[in-house]
N, C-alpha and C. Protein backbone atom coordinates (compact mmCIF):
# COMPACT_ATOMS: atom_id res chain seq x y z
N MET A 1 0.83 -1.18 0.00
CA MET A 1 0.00 0.00 0.00
C MET A 1 0.88 1.24 0.00
N SER A 2 0.48 2.27 -0.75
CA SER A 2 1.26 3.50 -0.80
C SER A 2 1.00 4.35 0.43
N ASP A 3 1.88 5.35 0.64
CA ASP A 3 1.69 6.27 1.76
C ASP A 3 0.35 6.98 1.67
N GLU A 4 -0.08 7.30 0.45
CA GLU A 4 -1.34 8.02 0.29
C GLU A 4 -2.51 7.22 0.86
N ALA A 5 -2.42 5.91 0.87
CA ALA A 5 -3.50 5.08 1.37
C ALA A 5 -3.74 5.31 2.86
N HIS A 6 -2.74 5.84 3.54
CA HIS A 6 -2.86 6.09 4.98
C HIS A 6 -3.11 7.56 5.29
N LYS A 7 -3.26 8.38 4.27
CA LYS A 7 -3.43 9.81 4.47
C LYS A 7 -4.90 10.19 4.38
N VAL A 8 -5.19 11.28 5.04
CA VAL A 8 -6.56 11.80 5.08
C VAL A 8 -6.55 13.22 4.54
N VAL A 9 -7.61 13.58 3.83
CA VAL A 9 -7.83 14.97 3.46
C VAL A 9 -9.14 15.42 4.11
N VAL A 10 -9.16 16.67 4.55
CA VAL A 10 -10.39 17.28 5.03
C VAL A 10 -10.89 18.17 3.91
N VAL A 11 -12.13 17.94 3.49
CA VAL A 11 -12.77 18.73 2.44
C VAL A 11 -13.80 19.62 3.10
N ALA A 12 -13.57 20.94 3.04
CA ALA A 12 -14.50 21.91 3.61
C ALA A 12 -15.21 22.61 2.47
N GLU A 13 -16.40 22.15 2.17
CA GLU A 13 -17.18 22.61 1.01
C GLU A 13 -18.66 22.50 1.35
N ASP A 14 -19.42 23.58 1.11
CA ASP A 14 -20.84 23.56 1.48
C ASP A 14 -21.76 23.07 0.36
N TYR A 15 -21.27 22.97 -0.85
CA TYR A 15 -22.11 22.44 -1.93
C TYR A 15 -21.93 20.92 -1.98
N PRO A 16 -22.99 20.17 -1.70
CA PRO A 16 -22.87 18.71 -1.63
C PRO A 16 -22.31 18.06 -2.90
N ASP A 17 -22.69 18.55 -4.08
CA ASP A 17 -22.20 17.95 -5.32
C ASP A 17 -20.69 18.12 -5.46
N ILE A 18 -20.20 19.31 -5.14
CA ILE A 18 -18.76 19.56 -5.24
C ILE A 18 -18.01 18.76 -4.17
N SER A 19 -18.55 18.76 -2.96
CA SER A 19 -17.94 18.00 -1.87
C SER A 19 -17.83 16.52 -2.24
N GLN A 20 -18.88 15.96 -2.80
CA GLN A 20 -18.88 14.55 -3.19
C GLN A 20 -17.89 14.29 -4.31
N LEU A 21 -17.83 15.19 -5.29
CA LEU A 21 -16.90 15.04 -6.40
C LEU A 21 -15.46 15.03 -5.88
N VAL A 22 -15.11 16.00 -5.03
CA VAL A 22 -13.75 16.08 -4.49
C VAL A 22 -13.45 14.84 -3.64
N ALA A 23 -14.41 14.43 -2.82
CA ALA A 23 -14.22 13.23 -2.00
C ALA A 23 -13.98 12.00 -2.88
N ASP A 24 -14.76 11.86 -3.94
CA ASP A 24 -14.59 10.71 -4.85
C ASP A 24 -13.22 10.73 -5.52
N ILE A 25 -12.77 11.91 -5.92
CA ILE A 25 -11.45 12.05 -6.56
C ILE A 25 -10.36 11.56 -5.61
N PHE A 26 -10.40 12.02 -4.37
CA PHE A 26 -9.33 11.67 -3.43
C PHE A 26 -9.44 10.22 -2.95
N ARG A 27 -10.66 9.73 -2.79
CA ARG A 27 -10.80 8.31 -2.43
C ARG A 27 -10.23 7.42 -3.53
N SER A 28 -10.46 7.80 -4.78
CA SER A 28 -9.93 7.00 -5.89
C SER A 28 -8.41 7.01 -5.92
N GLU A 29 -7.80 7.97 -5.25
CA GLU A 29 -6.34 8.05 -5.15
C GLU A 29 -5.84 7.40 -3.87
N GLY A 30 -6.74 6.80 -3.09
CA GLY A 30 -6.34 6.07 -1.90
C GLY A 30 -6.37 6.86 -0.60
N TYR A 31 -6.88 8.05 -0.63
CA TYR A 31 -6.97 8.87 0.58
C TYR A 31 -8.23 8.55 1.37
N GLY A 32 -8.16 8.75 2.67
CA GLY A 32 -9.35 8.81 3.48
C GLY A 32 -9.88 10.23 3.38
N VAL A 33 -11.17 10.41 3.41
CA VAL A 33 -11.76 11.74 3.24
C VAL A 33 -12.70 12.04 4.39
N VAL A 34 -12.55 13.23 4.96
CA VAL A 34 -13.47 13.75 5.96
C VAL A 34 -14.08 15.01 5.35
N SER A 35 -15.38 15.01 5.16
CA SER A 35 -16.06 16.15 4.56
C SER A 35 -16.81 16.94 5.64
N VAL A 36 -16.65 18.26 5.58
CA VAL A 36 -17.40 19.16 6.47
C VAL A 36 -17.99 20.26 5.60
N SER A 37 -19.13 20.77 6.02
CA SER A 37 -19.80 21.79 5.21
C SER A 37 -19.84 23.15 5.91
N ARG A 38 -19.27 23.22 7.09
CA ARG A 38 -19.27 24.47 7.86
C ARG A 38 -17.84 24.80 8.29
N GLY A 39 -17.52 26.09 8.24
CA GLY A 39 -16.19 26.53 8.64
C GLY A 39 -15.85 26.18 10.07
N GLY A 40 -16.86 26.24 10.94
CA GLY A 40 -16.63 25.93 12.34
C GLY A 40 -16.27 24.49 12.61
N ASP A 41 -16.46 23.63 11.63
CA ASP A 41 -16.13 22.21 11.79
C ASP A 41 -14.72 21.86 11.30
N VAL A 42 -14.03 22.81 10.67
CA VAL A 42 -12.72 22.52 10.08
C VAL A 42 -11.67 22.25 11.15
N VAL A 43 -11.50 23.16 12.10
CA VAL A 43 -10.46 22.99 13.11
C VAL A 43 -10.67 21.70 13.92
N PRO A 44 -11.89 21.42 14.41
CA PRO A 44 -12.07 20.14 15.11
C PRO A 44 -11.73 18.92 14.25
N ALA A 45 -12.06 18.98 12.96
CA ALA A 45 -11.75 17.85 12.07
C ALA A 45 -10.23 17.71 11.89
N VAL A 46 -9.53 18.82 11.78
CA VAL A 46 -8.07 18.78 11.63
C VAL A 46 -7.43 18.21 12.89
N ILE A 47 -7.90 18.63 14.05
CA ILE A 47 -7.36 18.12 15.31
C ILE A 47 -7.62 16.62 15.44
N ARG A 48 -8.81 16.21 15.08
CA ARG A 48 -9.18 14.80 15.24
C ARG A 48 -8.50 13.87 14.24
N TYR A 49 -8.42 14.28 12.97
CA TYR A 49 -7.98 13.37 11.91
C TYR A 49 -6.54 13.59 11.42
N HIS A 50 -5.89 14.68 11.81
CA HIS A 50 -4.51 14.95 11.39
C HIS A 50 -4.33 14.77 9.89
N PRO A 51 -5.06 15.55 9.08
CA PRO A 51 -5.01 15.34 7.63
C PRO A 51 -3.67 15.73 7.01
N ALA A 52 -3.40 15.13 5.86
CA ALA A 52 -2.24 15.50 5.07
C ALA A 52 -2.42 16.87 4.45
N VAL A 53 -3.68 17.22 4.18
CA VAL A 53 -4.00 18.50 3.56
C VAL A 53 -5.46 18.83 3.81
N VAL A 54 -5.76 20.13 3.85
CA VAL A 54 -7.14 20.62 3.96
C VAL A 54 -7.49 21.28 2.64
N LEU A 55 -8.63 20.93 2.07
CA LEU A 55 -9.15 21.56 0.87
C LEU A 55 -10.28 22.47 1.31
N LEU A 56 -10.08 23.77 1.20
CA LEU A 56 -10.97 24.75 1.83
C LEU A 56 -11.62 25.69 0.83
N ASP A 57 -12.94 25.70 0.84
CA ASP A 57 -13.70 26.70 0.09
C ASP A 57 -13.69 27.98 0.92
N LEU A 58 -13.58 29.14 0.28
CA LEU A 58 -13.58 30.41 1.03
C LEU A 58 -14.97 30.86 1.43
N ALA A 59 -16.00 30.39 0.72
CA ALA A 59 -17.37 30.84 0.96
C ALA A 59 -18.18 29.76 1.66
N LEU A 60 -17.95 29.62 2.98
CA LEU A 60 -18.72 28.66 3.77
C LEU A 60 -19.83 29.42 4.50
N PRO A 61 -20.93 28.76 4.81
CA PRO A 61 -22.10 29.49 5.31
C PRO A 61 -21.94 30.13 6.68
N ASP A 62 -21.20 29.54 7.58
CA ASP A 62 -21.14 30.07 8.95
C ASP A 62 -19.90 30.88 9.25
N MET A 63 -18.85 30.72 8.43
CA MET A 63 -17.59 31.38 8.72
C MET A 63 -16.79 31.51 7.43
N PRO A 64 -16.32 32.71 7.12
CA PRO A 64 -15.52 32.86 5.90
C PRO A 64 -14.24 32.04 5.98
N GLY A 65 -13.78 31.58 4.84
CA GLY A 65 -12.56 30.78 4.79
C GLY A 65 -11.35 31.47 5.40
N ASN A 66 -11.27 32.81 5.24
CA ASN A 66 -10.15 33.53 5.83
C ASN A 66 -10.16 33.42 7.35
N GLU A 67 -11.33 33.39 7.95
CA GLU A 67 -11.42 33.20 9.40
C GLU A 67 -11.00 31.79 9.79
N VAL A 68 -11.38 30.82 8.98
CA VAL A 68 -10.95 29.44 9.22
C VAL A 68 -9.42 29.38 9.18
N LEU A 69 -8.81 30.04 8.20
CA LEU A 69 -7.35 30.06 8.10
C LEU A 69 -6.72 30.67 9.35
N GLN A 70 -7.31 31.76 9.85
CA GLN A 70 -6.80 32.39 11.07
C GLN A 70 -6.87 31.43 12.25
N GLN A 71 -7.99 30.71 12.37
CA GLN A 71 -8.13 29.76 13.47
C GLN A 71 -7.11 28.62 13.35
N LEU A 72 -6.90 28.13 12.14
CA LEU A 72 -5.90 27.08 11.94
C LEU A 72 -4.51 27.58 12.33
N ALA A 73 -4.21 28.83 12.00
CA ALA A 73 -2.89 29.39 12.27
C ALA A 73 -2.64 29.63 13.76
N LYS A 74 -3.68 29.75 14.55
CA LYS A 74 -3.55 30.07 15.98
C LYS A 74 -3.06 28.92 16.84
N SER A 75 -3.29 27.71 16.42
CA SER A 75 -3.02 26.56 17.28
C SER A 75 -1.81 25.76 16.80
N PRO A 76 -0.92 25.39 17.72
CA PRO A 76 0.20 24.53 17.32
C PRO A 76 -0.26 23.14 16.86
N ASP A 77 -1.51 22.77 17.16
CA ASP A 77 -2.06 21.49 16.70
C ASP A 77 -2.48 21.54 15.24
N THR A 78 -2.66 22.76 14.70
CA THR A 78 -3.19 22.88 13.34
C THR A 78 -2.40 23.82 12.44
N ASP A 79 -1.42 24.53 12.96
CA ASP A 79 -0.77 25.58 12.19
C ASP A 79 0.21 25.09 11.12
N LYS A 80 0.50 23.80 11.10
CA LYS A 80 1.44 23.26 10.09
C LYS A 80 0.72 22.48 8.98
N VAL A 81 -0.58 22.32 9.10
CA VAL A 81 -1.33 21.54 8.11
C VAL A 81 -1.47 22.38 6.83
N PRO A 82 -1.01 21.84 5.70
CA PRO A 82 -1.13 22.60 4.45
C PRO A 82 -2.59 22.72 4.02
N VAL A 83 -2.89 23.86 3.41
CA VAL A 83 -4.24 24.16 2.96
C VAL A 83 -4.20 24.49 1.47
N ILE A 84 -5.16 23.93 0.76
CA ILE A 84 -5.39 24.31 -0.64
C ILE A 84 -6.75 24.96 -0.70
N ILE A 85 -6.78 26.14 -1.25
CA ILE A 85 -8.03 26.86 -1.43
C ILE A 85 -8.67 26.40 -2.73
N ILE A 86 -9.93 26.01 -2.63
CA ILE A 86 -10.72 25.67 -3.83
C ILE A 86 -11.91 26.62 -3.80
N SER A 87 -11.88 27.62 -4.66
CA SER A 87 -12.92 28.64 -4.56
C SER A 87 -13.10 29.38 -5.87
N ALA A 88 -14.31 29.87 -6.07
CA ALA A 88 -14.58 30.77 -7.18
C ALA A 88 -14.29 32.21 -6.75
N TYR A 89 -13.94 32.41 -5.49
CA TYR A 89 -13.75 33.75 -4.93
C TYR A 89 -12.33 33.93 -4.40
N SER A 90 -11.35 33.44 -5.12
CA SER A 90 -9.97 33.46 -4.62
C SER A 90 -9.42 34.88 -4.44
N GLU A 91 -10.04 35.87 -5.08
CA GLU A 91 -9.57 37.24 -4.89
C GLU A 91 -9.81 37.72 -3.46
N ARG A 92 -10.65 37.03 -2.72
CA ARG A 92 -10.93 37.38 -1.31
C ARG A 92 -9.90 36.80 -0.35
N LEU A 93 -9.02 35.96 -0.84
CA LEU A 93 -8.09 35.24 0.01
C LEU A 93 -7.07 36.16 0.66
N GLN A 94 -6.89 35.97 1.96
CA GLN A 94 -5.80 36.61 2.68
C GLN A 94 -4.70 35.56 2.78
N ARG A 95 -3.58 35.82 2.16
CA ARG A 95 -2.50 34.82 2.11
C ARG A 95 -1.88 34.60 3.48
N VAL A 96 -1.73 33.35 3.82
CA VAL A 96 -1.04 32.93 5.03
C VAL A 96 -0.11 31.79 4.64
N PRO A 97 0.92 31.50 5.44
CA PRO A 97 1.89 30.46 5.06
C PRO A 97 1.28 29.08 4.82
N GLN A 98 0.18 28.77 5.47
CA GLN A 98 -0.43 27.45 5.29
C GLN A 98 -1.02 27.25 3.91
N VAL A 99 -1.37 28.33 3.23
CA VAL A 99 -1.98 28.21 1.90
C VAL A 99 -0.88 27.86 0.91
N ARG A 100 -0.94 26.65 0.41
CA ARG A 100 0.09 26.17 -0.50
C ARG A 100 -0.31 26.32 -1.96
N ALA A 101 -1.62 26.43 -2.23
CA ALA A 101 -2.08 26.58 -3.61
C ALA A 101 -3.51 27.11 -3.60
N VAL A 102 -3.87 27.73 -4.72
CA VAL A 102 -5.23 28.17 -4.94
C VAL A 102 -5.68 27.52 -6.25
N VAL A 103 -6.78 26.78 -6.17
CA VAL A 103 -7.35 26.12 -7.34
C VAL A 103 -8.73 26.73 -7.55
N ASN A 104 -8.87 27.42 -8.66
CA ASN A 104 -10.13 28.11 -8.92
C ASN A 104 -11.19 27.16 -9.44
N LYS A 105 -12.42 27.39 -9.01
CA LYS A 105 -13.57 26.66 -9.54
C LYS A 105 -13.98 27.34 -10.84
N PRO A 106 -14.40 26.59 -11.82
CA PRO A 106 -14.35 25.14 -11.90
C PRO A 106 -12.89 24.70 -12.02
N PHE A 107 -12.57 23.55 -11.43
CA PHE A 107 -11.19 23.10 -11.38
C PHE A 107 -10.96 21.88 -12.26
N ASP A 108 -9.72 21.71 -12.62
CA ASP A 108 -9.26 20.55 -13.36
C ASP A 108 -8.79 19.52 -12.33
N ILE A 109 -9.23 18.28 -12.47
CA ILE A 109 -8.91 17.22 -11.49
C ILE A 109 -7.41 17.03 -11.35
N ASP A 110 -6.69 16.98 -12.45
CA ASP A 110 -5.24 16.78 -12.37
C ASP A 110 -4.55 17.92 -11.65
N THR A 111 -5.02 19.14 -11.87
CA THR A 111 -4.45 20.31 -11.19
C THR A 111 -4.69 20.21 -9.69
N LEU A 112 -5.87 19.81 -9.30
CA LEU A 112 -6.20 19.66 -7.89
C LEU A 112 -5.34 18.59 -7.23
N LEU A 113 -5.22 17.44 -7.86
CA LEU A 113 -4.40 16.36 -7.30
C LEU A 113 -2.93 16.75 -7.22
N ARG A 114 -2.42 17.42 -8.24
CA ARG A 114 -1.03 17.86 -8.23
C ARG A 114 -0.80 18.86 -7.09
N ALA A 115 -1.73 19.79 -6.91
CA ALA A 115 -1.61 20.77 -5.82
C ALA A 115 -1.60 20.08 -4.46
N ALA A 116 -2.44 19.06 -4.30
CA ALA A 116 -2.49 18.33 -3.03
C ALA A 116 -1.18 17.58 -2.78
N ARG A 117 -0.63 16.95 -3.81
CA ARG A 117 0.65 16.24 -3.64
C ARG A 117 1.77 17.22 -3.29
N GLU A 118 1.84 18.33 -4.01
CA GLU A 118 2.88 19.31 -3.77
C GLU A 118 2.74 19.97 -2.40
N ALA A 119 1.53 20.13 -1.94
CA ALA A 119 1.30 20.76 -0.64
C ALA A 119 1.84 19.92 0.52
N GLN A 120 1.96 18.64 0.30
CA GLN A 120 2.43 17.74 1.35
C GLN A 120 3.95 17.66 1.43
N VAL A 121 4.65 18.23 0.48
CA VAL A 121 6.11 18.24 0.50
C VAL A 121 6.55 19.31 1.50
N PRO A 122 7.34 18.92 2.49
CA PRO A 122 7.77 19.93 3.48
C PRO A 122 8.52 21.07 2.81
N ARG A 123 8.24 22.26 3.29
CA ARG A 123 8.92 23.44 2.78
C ARG A 123 10.29 23.56 3.43
N ALA A 124 11.23 24.08 2.66
CA ALA A 124 12.56 24.32 3.21
C ALA A 124 12.49 25.48 4.21
N LYS A 125 13.23 25.37 5.29
CA LYS A 125 13.25 26.42 6.31
C LYS A 125 14.12 27.56 5.82
N ALA A 126 13.70 28.77 6.15
CA ALA A 126 14.48 29.95 5.79
C ALA A 126 15.78 29.94 6.58
N THR A 127 16.84 30.36 5.89
CA THR A 127 18.14 30.38 6.57
C THR A 127 18.52 31.78 6.96
């Protein structure tokens, strides 16, 4: 079994069809998938499941994605988890170090998978 078979992604998306599509894509690549539809559920899911990457829509119903990013950045339990933004509203994004890529909707499956793989590669430390 590959390393990906033991990895989890958290999908934070409020549209069920998109959430299901993204979940199906990652499951077919051997990932475990945890789907949440509310921003307030992202941090608890990250703490519980220790995902390899978070796929975050910026327009969630209860909390903007930028606020979710701030909450992730506040905790040593969540501040190192890479995040990929999947949104039609990427111009609203406040850049933080955890954001490794922005994939605009509608997205290309190969682009999304490549971004997720690249996001998991540790970044070199500044010297």
